[in-house]
Amino acid sequence: MTHAMETRHITYKTEGTCSQFIDVDVDENNVIQQVFFTGGCNGNLQGISTLVKGMKVDDVIEKLNGIRCGYKPTSCPDQLCRALEQLKQQS
């Protein structure tokens, strides 16, 4: 009998970015399975989503936390970290 992986999901409402929402699925080992941004710079956000797929949540937070977009105090990658931190608190 195979063990089905449990995934956790969050739809995170972003603040201070062009994207409005980030949907994230993480498996039971805290590995990102899927990221989807609603709004924002489509090509760049598809690239970020593809790069972080298969990475551990904590590794993504370590690499992307605090990135700013121009003069804004945050960015889409930084907001992804906020979403991941919120998801970690739910487990």
PDB file of N, CA and C in Angstrom:
ATOM      1  N   MET A   1       0.840  -1.168   0.000  1.00  0.00           N
ATOM      2  CA  MET A   1       0.000   0.000   0.000  1.00  0.00           C
ATOM      3  C   MET A   1       0.896   1.246   0.000  1.00  0.00           C
ATOM      4  N   THR A   2       0.614   2.178  -0.891  1.00  0.00           N
ATOM      5  CA  THR A   2       1.430   3.383  -0.970  1.00  0.00           C
ATOM      6  C   THR A   2       0.841   4.470  -0.094  1.00  0.00           C
ATOM      7  N   HIS A   3       1.723   5.299   0.408  1.00  0.00           N
ATOM      8  CA  HIS A   3       1.333   6.395   1.271  1.00  0.00           C
ATOM      9  C   HIS A   3       1.104   7.636   0.409  1.00  0.00           C
ATOM     10  N   ALA A   4      -0.094   8.194   0.466  1.00  0.00           N
ATOM     11  CA  ALA A   4      -0.394   9.405  -0.292  1.00  0.00           C
ATOM     12  C   ALA A   4       0.191  10.612   0.434  1.00  0.00           C
ATOM     13  N   MET A   5       0.866  11.447  -0.325  1.00  0.00           N
ATOM     14  CA  MET A   5       1.450  12.655   0.242  1.00  0.00           C
ATOM     15  C   MET A   5       0.341  13.626   0.631  1.00  0.00           C
ATOM     16  N   GLU A   6       0.473  14.203   1.804  1.00  0.00           N
ATOM     17  CA  GLU A   6      -0.458  15.236   2.227  1.00  0.00           C
ATOM     18  C   GLU A   6       0.086  16.574   1.788  1.00  0.00           C
ATOM     19  N   THR A   7      -0.745  17.352   1.136  1.00  0.00           N
ATOM     20  CA  THR A   7      -0.305  18.689   0.749  1.00  0.00           C
ATOM     21  C   THR A   7      -1.087  19.727   1.532  1.00  0.00           C
ATOM     22  N   ARG A   8      -0.439  20.854   1.722  1.00  0.00           N
ATOM     23  CA  ARG A   8      -1.089  22.006   2.349  1.00  0.00           C
ATOM     24  C   ARG A   8      -1.142  23.111   1.311  1.00  0.00           C
ATOM     25  N   HIS A   9      -2.181  23.921   1.378  1.00  0.00           N
ATOM     26  CA  HIS A   9      -2.394  24.978   0.384  1.00  0.00           C
ATOM     27  C   HIS A   9      -2.672  26.296   1.093  1.00  0.00           C
ATOM     28  N   ILE A  10      -2.184  27.369   0.488  1.00  0.00           N
ATOM     29  CA  ILE A  10      -2.553  28.701   0.949  1.00  0.00           C
ATOM     30  C   ILE A  10      -2.814  29.570  -0.265  1.00  0.00           C
ATOM     31  N   THR A  11      -3.832  30.422  -0.160  1.00  0.00           N
ATOM     32  CA  THR A  11      -4.034  31.519  -1.105  1.00  0.00           C
ATOM     33  C   THR A  11      -3.752  32.769  -0.299  1.00  0.00           C
ATOM     34  N   TYR A  12      -2.651  33.412  -0.626  1.00  0.00           N
ATOM     35  CA  TYR A  12      -2.157  34.549   0.150  1.00  0.00           C
ATOM     36  C   TYR A  12      -2.449  35.846  -0.586  1.00  0.00           C
ATOM     37  N   LYS A  13      -3.087  36.805   0.092  1.00  0.00           N
ATOM     38  CA  LYS A  13      -3.356  38.124  -0.480  1.00  0.00           C
ATOM     39  C   LYS A  13      -2.111  38.974  -0.268  1.00  0.00           C
ATOM     40  N   THR A  14      -1.479  39.378  -1.366  1.00  0.00           N
ATOM     41  CA  THR A  14      -0.236  40.139  -1.273  1.00  0.00           C
ATOM     42  C   THR A  14      -0.513  41.592  -0.879  1.00  0.00           C
ATOM     43  N   GLU A  15       0.532  42.253  -0.393  1.00  0.00           N
ATOM     44  CA  GLU A  15       0.458  43.672  -0.045  1.00  0.00           C
ATOM     45  C   GLU A  15       1.635  44.386  -0.671  1.00  0.00           C
ATOM     46  N   GLY A  16       1.368  45.493  -1.356  1.00  0.00           N
ATOM     47  CA  GLY A  16       2.430  46.346  -1.878  1.00  0.00           C
ATOM     48  C   GLY A  16       3.087  45.853  -3.152  1.00  0.00           C
ATOM     49  N   THR A  17       2.443  44.936  -3.867  1.00  0.00           N
ATOM     50  CA  THR A  17       3.010  44.421  -5.122  1.00  0.00           C
ATOM     51  C   THR A  17       1.976  44.470  -6.238  1.00  0.00           C
ATOM     52  N   CYS A  18       2.437  44.306  -7.461  1.00  0.00           N
ATOM     53  CA  CYS A  18       1.536  44.267  -8.616  1.00  0.00           C
ATOM     54  C   CYS A  18       0.693  42.991  -8.619  1.00  0.00           C
ATOM     55  N   SER A  19       1.266  41.879  -8.154  1.00  0.00           N
ATOM     56  CA  SER A  19       0.470  40.647  -8.053  1.00  0.00           C
ATOM     57  C   SER A  19      -0.509  40.812  -6.897  1.00  0.00           C
ATOM     58  N   GLN A  20      -1.683  40.183  -7.034  1.00  0.00           N
ATOM     59  CA  GLN A  20      -2.708  40.311  -5.996  1.00  0.00           C
ATOM     60  C   GLN A  20      -2.766  39.107  -5.058  1.00  0.00           C
ATOM     61  N   PHE A  21      -2.500  37.927  -5.600  1.00  0.00           N
ATOM     62  CA  PHE A  21      -2.580  36.698  -4.810  1.00  0.00           C
ATOM     63  C   PHE A  21      -1.438  35.766  -5.182  1.00  0.00           C
ATOM     64  N   ILE A  22      -1.064  34.913  -4.217  1.00  0.00           N
ATOM     65  CA  ILE A  22      -0.112  33.838  -4.477  1.00  0.00           C
ATOM     66  C   ILE A  22      -0.737  32.559  -3.945  1.00  0.00           C
ATOM     67  N   ASP A  23      -0.855  31.561  -4.802  1.00  0.00           N
ATOM     68  CA  ASP A  23      -1.325  30.237  -4.392  1.00  0.00           C
ATOM     69  C   ASP A  23      -0.117  29.325  -4.286  1.00  0.00           C
ATOM     70  N   VAL A  24       0.014  28.643  -3.141  1.00  0.00           N
ATOM     71  CA  VAL A  24       1.166  27.774  -2.906  1.00  0.00           C
ATOM     72  C   VAL A  24       0.691  26.424  -2.392  1.00  0.00           C
ATOM     73  N   ASP A  25       1.260  25.349  -2.935  1.00  0.00           N
ATOM     74  CA  ASP A  25       1.041  23.990  -2.436  1.00  0.00           C
ATOM     75  C   ASP A  25       2.374  23.447  -1.952  1.00  0.00           C
ATOM     76  N   VAL A  26       2.370  22.914  -0.728  1.00  0.00           N
ATOM     77  CA  VAL A  26       3.569  22.367  -0.095  1.00  0.00           C
ATOM     78  C   VAL A  26       3.246  20.960   0.377  1.00  0.00           C
ATOM     79  N   ASP A  27       4.185  20.015   0.189  1.00  0.00           N
ATOM     80  CA  ASP A  27       3.934  18.650   0.647  1.00  0.00           C
ATOM     81  C   ASP A  27       4.279  18.499   2.126  1.00  0.00           C
ATOM     82  N   GLU A  28       4.094  17.295   2.637  1.00  0.00           N
ATOM     83  CA  GLU A  28       4.291  17.042   4.072  1.00  0.00           C
ATOM     84  C   GLU A  28       5.749  17.172   4.513  1.00  0.00           C
ATOM     85  N   ASN A  29       6.671  17.205   3.560  1.00  0.00           N
ATOM     86  CA  ASN A  29       8.090  17.385   3.869  1.00  0.00           C
ATOM     87  C   ASN A  29       8.530  18.842   3.710  1.00  0.00           C
ATOM     88  N   ASN A  30       7.551  19.754   3.605  1.00  0.00           N
ATOM     89  CA  ASN A  30       7.808  21.186   3.403  1.00  0.00           C
ATOM     90  C   ASN A  30       8.558  21.474   2.112  1.00  0.00           C
ATOM     91  N   VAL A  31       8.242  20.703   1.071  1.00  0.00           N
ATOM     92  CA  VAL A  31       8.791  20.926  -0.260  1.00  0.00           C
ATOM     93  C   VAL A  31       7.687  21.553  -1.114  1.00  0.00           C
ATOM     94  N   ILE A  32       8.035  22.632  -1.796  1.00  0.00           N
ATOM     95  CA  ILE A  32       7.062  23.348  -2.619  1.00  0.00           C
ATOM     96  C   ILE A  32       6.718  22.510  -3.842  1.00  0.00           C
ATOM     97  N   GLN A  33       5.429  22.294  -4.041  1.00  0.00           N
ATOM     98  CA  GLN A  33       4.947  21.523  -5.182  1.00  0.00           C
ATOM     99  C   GLN A  33       4.484  22.423  -6.324  1.00  0.00           C
ATOM    100  N   GLN A  34       3.923  23.589  -5.963  1.00  0.00           N
ATOM    101  CA  GLN A  34       3.400  24.486  -6.986  1.00  0.00           C
ATOM    102  C   GLN A  34       3.251  25.887  -6.421  1.00  0.00           C
ATOM    103  N   VAL A  35       3.549  26.891  -7.242  1.00  0.00           N
ATOM    104  CA  VAL A  35       3.327  28.295  -6.904  1.00  0.00           C
ATOM    105  C   VAL A  35       2.666  28.946  -8.104  1.00  0.00           C
ATOM    106  N   PHE A  36       1.624  29.721  -7.855  1.00  0.00           N
ATOM    107  CA  PHE A  36       0.941  30.436  -8.924  1.00  0.00           C
ATOM    108  C   PHE A  36       0.646  31.852  -8.453  1.00  0.00           C
ATOM    109  N   PHE A  37       1.160  32.839  -9.187  1.00  0.00           N
ATOM    110  CA  PHE A  37       0.900  34.249  -8.890  1.00  0.00           C
ATOM    111  C   PHE A  37      -0.260  34.734  -9.743  1.00  0.00           C
ATOM    112  N   THR A  38      -1.159  35.529  -9.154  1.00  0.00           N
ATOM    113  CA  THR A  38      -2.234  36.183  -9.891  1.00  0.00           C
ATOM    114  C   THR A  38      -1.847  37.644 -10.034  1.00  0.00           C
ATOM    115  N   GLY A  39      -1.685  38.099 -11.277  1.00  0.00           N
ATOM    116  CA  GLY A  39      -1.246  39.461 -11.539  1.00  0.00           C
ATOM    117  C   GLY A  39       0.267  39.546 -11.518  1.00  0.00           C
ATOM    118  N   GLY A  40       0.777  40.741 -11.720  1.00  0.00           N
ATOM    119  CA  GLY A  40       2.217  40.952 -11.672  1.00  0.00           C
ATOM    120  C   GLY A  40       2.881  40.700 -13.007  1.00  0.00           C
ATOM    121  N   CYS A  41       4.204  40.663 -12.995  1.00  0.00           N
ATOM    122  CA  CYS A  41       5.026  40.477 -14.198  1.00  0.00           C
ATOM    123  C   CYS A  41       5.045  38.993 -14.564  1.00  0.00           C
ATOM    124  N   ASN A  42       4.205  38.613 -15.491  1.00  0.00           N
ATOM    125  CA  ASN A  42       3.939  37.215 -15.793  1.00  0.00           C
ATOM    126  C   ASN A  42       5.194  36.378 -16.038  1.00  0.00           C
ATOM    127  N   GLY A  43       6.071  36.827 -16.903  1.00  0.00           N
ATOM    128  CA  GLY A  43       7.261  36.036 -17.226  1.00  0.00           C
ATOM    129  C   GLY A  43       8.170  35.842 -16.026  1.00  0.00           C
ATOM    130  N   ASN A  44       8.440  36.922 -15.306  1.00  0.00           N
ATOM    131  CA  ASN A  44       9.304  36.833 -14.125  1.00  0.00           C
ATOM    132  C   ASN A  44       8.692  35.924 -13.055  1.00  0.00           C
ATOM    133  N   LEU A  45       7.397  36.046 -12.856  1.00  0.00           N
ATOM    134  CA  LEU A  45       6.755  35.257 -11.806  1.00  0.00           C
ATOM    135  C   LEU A  45       6.642  33.788 -12.189  1.00  0.00           C
ATOM    136  N   GLN A  46       6.486  33.500 -13.474  1.00  0.00           N
ATOM    137  CA  GLN A  46       6.539  32.103 -13.915  1.00  0.00           C
ATOM    138  C   GLN A  46       7.927  31.542 -13.662  1.00  0.00           C
ATOM    139  N   GLY A  47       8.953  32.360 -13.907  1.00  0.00           N
ATOM    140  CA  GLY A  47      10.332  31.938 -13.658  1.00  0.00           C
ATOM    141  C   GLY A  47      10.568  31.636 -12.192  1.00  0.00           C
ATOM    142  N   ILE A  48      10.126  32.528 -11.311  1.00  0.00           N
ATOM    143  CA  ILE A  48      10.277  32.308  -9.869  1.00  0.00           C
ATOM    144  C   ILE A  48       9.548  31.040  -9.462  1.00  0.00           C
ATOM    145  N   SER A  49       8.318  30.878  -9.948  1.00  0.00           N
ATOM    146  CA  SER A  49       7.518  29.694  -9.610  1.00  0.00           C
ATOM    147  C   SER A  49       8.226  28.410 -10.012  1.00  0.00           C
ATOM    148  N   THR A  50       8.813  28.406 -11.200  1.00  0.00           N
ATOM    149  CA  THR A  50       9.519  27.228 -11.694  1.00  0.00           C
ATOM    150  C   THR A  50      10.784  26.963 -10.882  1.00  0.00           C
ATOM    151  N   LEU A  51      11.509  28.018 -10.544  1.00  0.00           N
ATOM    152  CA  LEU A  51      12.753  27.857  -9.788  1.00  0.00           C
ATOM    153  C   LEU A  51      12.524  27.321  -8.374  1.00  0.00           C
ATOM    154  N   VAL A  52      11.444  27.751  -7.714  1.00  0.00           N
ATOM    155  CA  VAL A  52      11.238  27.335  -6.323  1.00  0.00           C
ATOM    156  C   VAL A  52      10.538  25.978  -6.211  1.00  0.00           C
ATOM    157  N   LYS A  53       9.947  25.499  -7.299  1.00  0.00           N
ATOM    158  CA  LYS A  53       9.291  24.189  -7.270  1.00  0.00           C
ATOM    159  C   LYS A  53      10.317  23.116  -6.928  1.00  0.00           C
ATOM    160  N   GLY A  54      10.014  22.291  -5.936  1.00  0.00           N
ATOM    161  CA  GLY A  54      10.923  21.240  -5.504  1.00  0.00           C
ATOM    162  C   GLY A  54      11.880  21.679  -4.405  1.00  0.00           C
ATOM    163  N   MET A  55      11.861  22.970  -4.056  1.00  0.00           N
ATOM    164  CA  MET A  55      12.737  23.469  -2.996  1.00  0.00           C
ATOM    165  C   MET A  55      12.045  23.395  -1.638  1.00  0.00           C
ATOM    166  N   LYS A  56      12.844  23.295  -0.585  1.00  0.00           N
ATOM    167  CA  LYS A  56      12.323  23.341   0.781  1.00  0.00           C
ATOM    168  C   LYS A  56      11.870  24.768   1.090  1.00  0.00           C
ATOM    169  N   VAL A  57      10.774  24.886   1.835  1.00  0.00           N
ATOM    170  CA  VAL A  57      10.208  26.170   2.217  1.00  0.00           C
ATOM    171  C   VAL A  57      11.268  27.061   2.864  1.00  0.00           C
ATOM    172  N   ASP A  58      12.010  26.537   3.832  1.00  0.00           N
ATOM    173  CA  ASP A  58      13.001  27.351   4.549  1.00  0.00           C
ATOM    174  C   ASP A  58      14.121  27.840   3.635  1.00  0.00           C
ATOM    175  N   ASP A  59      14.491  27.054   2.633  1.00  0.00           N
ATOM    176  CA  ASP A  59      15.533  27.472   1.691  1.00  0.00           C
ATOM    177  C   ASP A  59      15.054  28.641   0.835  1.00  0.00           C
ATOM    178  N   VAL A  60      13.789  28.603   0.426  1.00  0.00           N
ATOM    179  CA  VAL A  60      13.225  29.690  -0.377  1.00  0.00           C
ATOM    180  C   VAL A  60      13.158  30.961   0.467  1.00  0.00           C
ATOM    181  N   ILE A  61      12.701  30.836   1.701  1.00  0.00           N
ATOM    182  CA  ILE A  61      12.624  32.006   2.587  1.00  0.00           C
ATOM    183  C   ILE A  61      14.015  32.608   2.781  1.00  0.00           C
ATOM    184  N   GLU A  62      15.000  31.754   2.992  1.00  0.00           N
ATOM    185  CA  GLU A  62      16.372  32.235   3.206  1.00  0.00           C
ATOM    186  C   GLU A  62      16.897  33.012   1.996  1.00  0.00           C
ATOM    187  N   LYS A  63      16.581  32.537   0.786  1.00  0.00           N
ATOM    188  CA  LYS A  63      17.102  33.163  -0.421  1.00  0.00           C
ATOM    189  C   LYS A  63      16.340  34.416  -0.843  1.00  0.00           C
ATOM    190  N   LEU A  64      15.023  34.446  -0.650  1.00  0.00           N
ATOM    191  CA  LEU A  64      14.199  35.505  -1.226  1.00  0.00           C
ATOM    192  C   LEU A  64      13.698  36.547  -0.228  1.00  0.00           C
ATOM    193  N   ASN A  65      13.830  36.282   1.052  1.00  0.00           N
ATOM    194  CA  ASN A  65      13.322  37.186   2.081  1.00  0.00           C
ATOM    195  C   ASN A  65      13.984  38.563   1.989  1.00  0.00           C
ATOM    196  N   GLY A  66      13.162  39.601   1.987  1.00  0.00           N
ATOM    197  CA  GLY A  66      13.678  40.968   2.032  1.00  0.00           C
ATOM    198  C   GLY A  66      13.990  41.591   0.682  1.00  0.00           C
ATOM    199  N   ILE A  67      13.803  40.868  -0.414  1.00  0.00           N
ATOM    200  CA  ILE A  67      14.036  41.456  -1.741  1.00  0.00           C
ATOM    201  C   ILE A  67      13.026  42.577  -1.963  1.00  0.00           C
ATOM    202  N   ARG A  68      13.516  43.682  -2.490  1.00  0.00           N
ATOM    203  CA  ARG A  68      12.646  44.828  -2.748  1.00  0.00           C
ATOM    204  C   ARG A  68      12.487  45.035  -4.249  1.00  0.00           C
ATOM    205  N   CYS A  69      11.377  45.635  -4.634  1.00  0.00           N
ATOM    206  CA  CYS A  69      11.105  45.952  -6.039  1.00  0.00           C
ATOM    207  C   CYS A  69      11.162  47.471  -6.175  1.00  0.00           C
ATOM    208  N   GLY A  70      12.226  47.968  -6.778  1.00  0.00           N
ATOM    209  CA  GLY A  70      12.378  49.417  -6.923  1.00  0.00           C
ATOM    210  C   GLY A  70      12.388  50.097  -5.561  1.00  0.00           C
ATOM    211  N   TYR A  71      11.545  51.105  -5.413  1.00  0.00           N
ATOM    212  CA  TYR A  71      11.457  51.844  -4.144  1.00  0.00           C
ATOM    213  C   TYR A  71      10.441  51.245  -3.184  1.00  0.00           C
ATOM    214  N   LYS A  72       9.777  50.192  -3.596  1.00  0.00           N
ATOM    215  CA  LYS A  72       8.787  49.542  -2.728  1.00  0.00           C
ATOM    216  C   LYS A  72       9.501  48.815  -1.589  1.00  0.00           C
ATOM    217  N   PRO A  73       8.865  48.726  -0.425  1.00  0.00           N
ATOM    218  CA  PRO A  73       9.499  48.030   0.704  1.00  0.00           C
ATOM    219  C   PRO A  73       9.433  46.507   0.593  1.00  0.00           C
ATOM    220  N   THR A  74       8.791  46.005  -0.454  1.00  0.00           N
ATOM    221  CA  THR A  74       8.622  44.562  -0.633  1.00  0.00           C
ATOM    222  C   THR A  74       8.697  44.241  -2.118  1.00  0.00           C
ATOM    223  N   SER A  75       8.456  42.982  -2.470  1.00  0.00           N
ATOM    224  CA  SER A  75       8.457  42.522  -3.861  1.00  0.00           C
ATOM    225  C   SER A  75       7.622  41.253  -3.931  1.00  0.00           C
ATOM    226  N   CYS A  76       7.394  40.748  -5.122  1.00  0.00           N
ATOM    227  CA  CYS A  76       6.679  39.473  -5.247  1.00  0.00           C
ATOM    228  C   CYS A  76       7.451  38.325  -4.591  1.00  0.00           C
ATOM    229  N   PRO A  77       8.793  38.223  -4.773  1.00  0.00           N
ATOM    230  CA  PRO A  77       9.522  37.164  -4.074  1.00  0.00           C
ATOM    231  C   PRO A  77       9.434  37.312  -2.551  1.00  0.00           C
ATOM    232  N   ASP A  78       9.496  38.551  -2.050  1.00  0.00           N
ATOM    233  CA  ASP A  78       9.375  38.791  -0.619  1.00  0.00           C
ATOM    234  C   ASP A  78       7.984  38.406  -0.122  1.00  0.00           C
ATOM    235  N   GLN A  79       6.955  38.710  -0.897  1.00  0.00           N
ATOM    236  CA  GLN A  79       5.593  38.338  -0.525  1.00  0.00           C
ATOM    237  C   GLN A  79       5.416  36.817  -0.543  1.00  0.00           C
ATOM    238  N   LEU A  80       6.097  36.143  -1.450  1.00  0.00           N
ATOM    239  CA  LEU A  80       6.089  34.676  -1.443  1.00  0.00           C
ATOM    240  C   LEU A  80       6.616  34.170  -0.100  1.00  0.00           C
ATOM    241  N   CYS A  81       7.649  34.799   0.415  1.00  0.00           N
ATOM    242  CA  CYS A  81       8.185  34.414   1.736  1.00  0.00           C
ATOM    243  C   CYS A  81       7.142  34.617   2.821  1.00  0.00           C
ATOM    244  N   ARG A  82       6.395  35.716   2.766  1.00  0.00           N
ATOM    245  CA  ARG A  82       5.330  35.955   3.755  1.00  0.00           C
ATOM    246  C   ARG A  82       4.283  34.833   3.679  1.00  0.00           C
ATOM    247  N   ALA A  83       3.928  34.446   2.447  1.00  0.00           N
ATOM    248  CA  ALA A  83       2.952  33.364   2.265  1.00  0.00           C
ATOM    249  C   ALA A  83       3.488  32.064   2.849  1.00  0.00           C
ATOM    250  N   LEU A  84       4.756  31.766   2.592  1.00  0.00           N
ATOM    251  CA  LEU A  84       5.360  30.527   3.099  1.00  0.00           C
ATOM    252  C   LEU A  84       5.448  30.538   4.621  1.00  0.00           C
ATOM    253  N   GLU A  85       5.767  31.686   5.197  1.00  0.00           N
ATOM    254  CA  GLU A  85       5.824  31.786   6.661  1.00  0.00           C
ATOM    255  C   GLU A  85       4.435  31.555   7.263  1.00  0.00           C
ATOM    256  N   GLN A  86       3.404  32.109   6.623  1.00  0.00           N
ATOM    257  CA  GLN A  86       2.040  31.907   7.102  1.00  0.00           C
ATOM    258  C   GLN A  86       1.652  30.425   6.988  1.00  0.00           C
ATOM    259  N   LEU A  87       2.038  29.791   5.901  1.00  0.00           N
ATOM    260  CA  LEU A  87       1.754  28.375   5.700  1.00  0.00           C
ATOM    261  C   LEU A  87       2.443  27.529   6.760  1.00  0.00           C
ATOM    262  N   LYS A  88       3.675  27.882   7.115  1.00  0.00           N
ATOM    263  CA  LYS A  88       4.408  27.145   8.163  1.00  0.00           C
ATOM    264  C   LYS A  88       3.680  27.226   9.509  1.00  0.00           C
ATOM    265  N   GLN A  89       3.094  28.380   9.796  1.00  0.00           N
ATOM    266  CA  GLN A  89       2.381  28.567  11.067  1.00  0.00           C
ATOM    267  C   GLN A  89       1.108  27.717  11.136  1.00  0.00           C
ATOM    268  N   GLN A  90       0.558  27.378   9.985  1.00  0.00           N
ATOM    269  CA  GLN A  90      -0.686  26.606   9.933  1.00  0.00           C
ATOM    270  C   GLN A  90      -0.446  25.120  10.184  1.00  0.00           C
ATOM    271  N   SER A  91       0.815  24.684  10.107  1.00  0.00           N
ATOM    272  CA  SER A  91       1.063  23.242  10.241  1.00  0.00           C
ATOM    273  C   SER A  91       1.185  22.822  11.688  1.00  0.00           C
TER     274      SER A  91
END
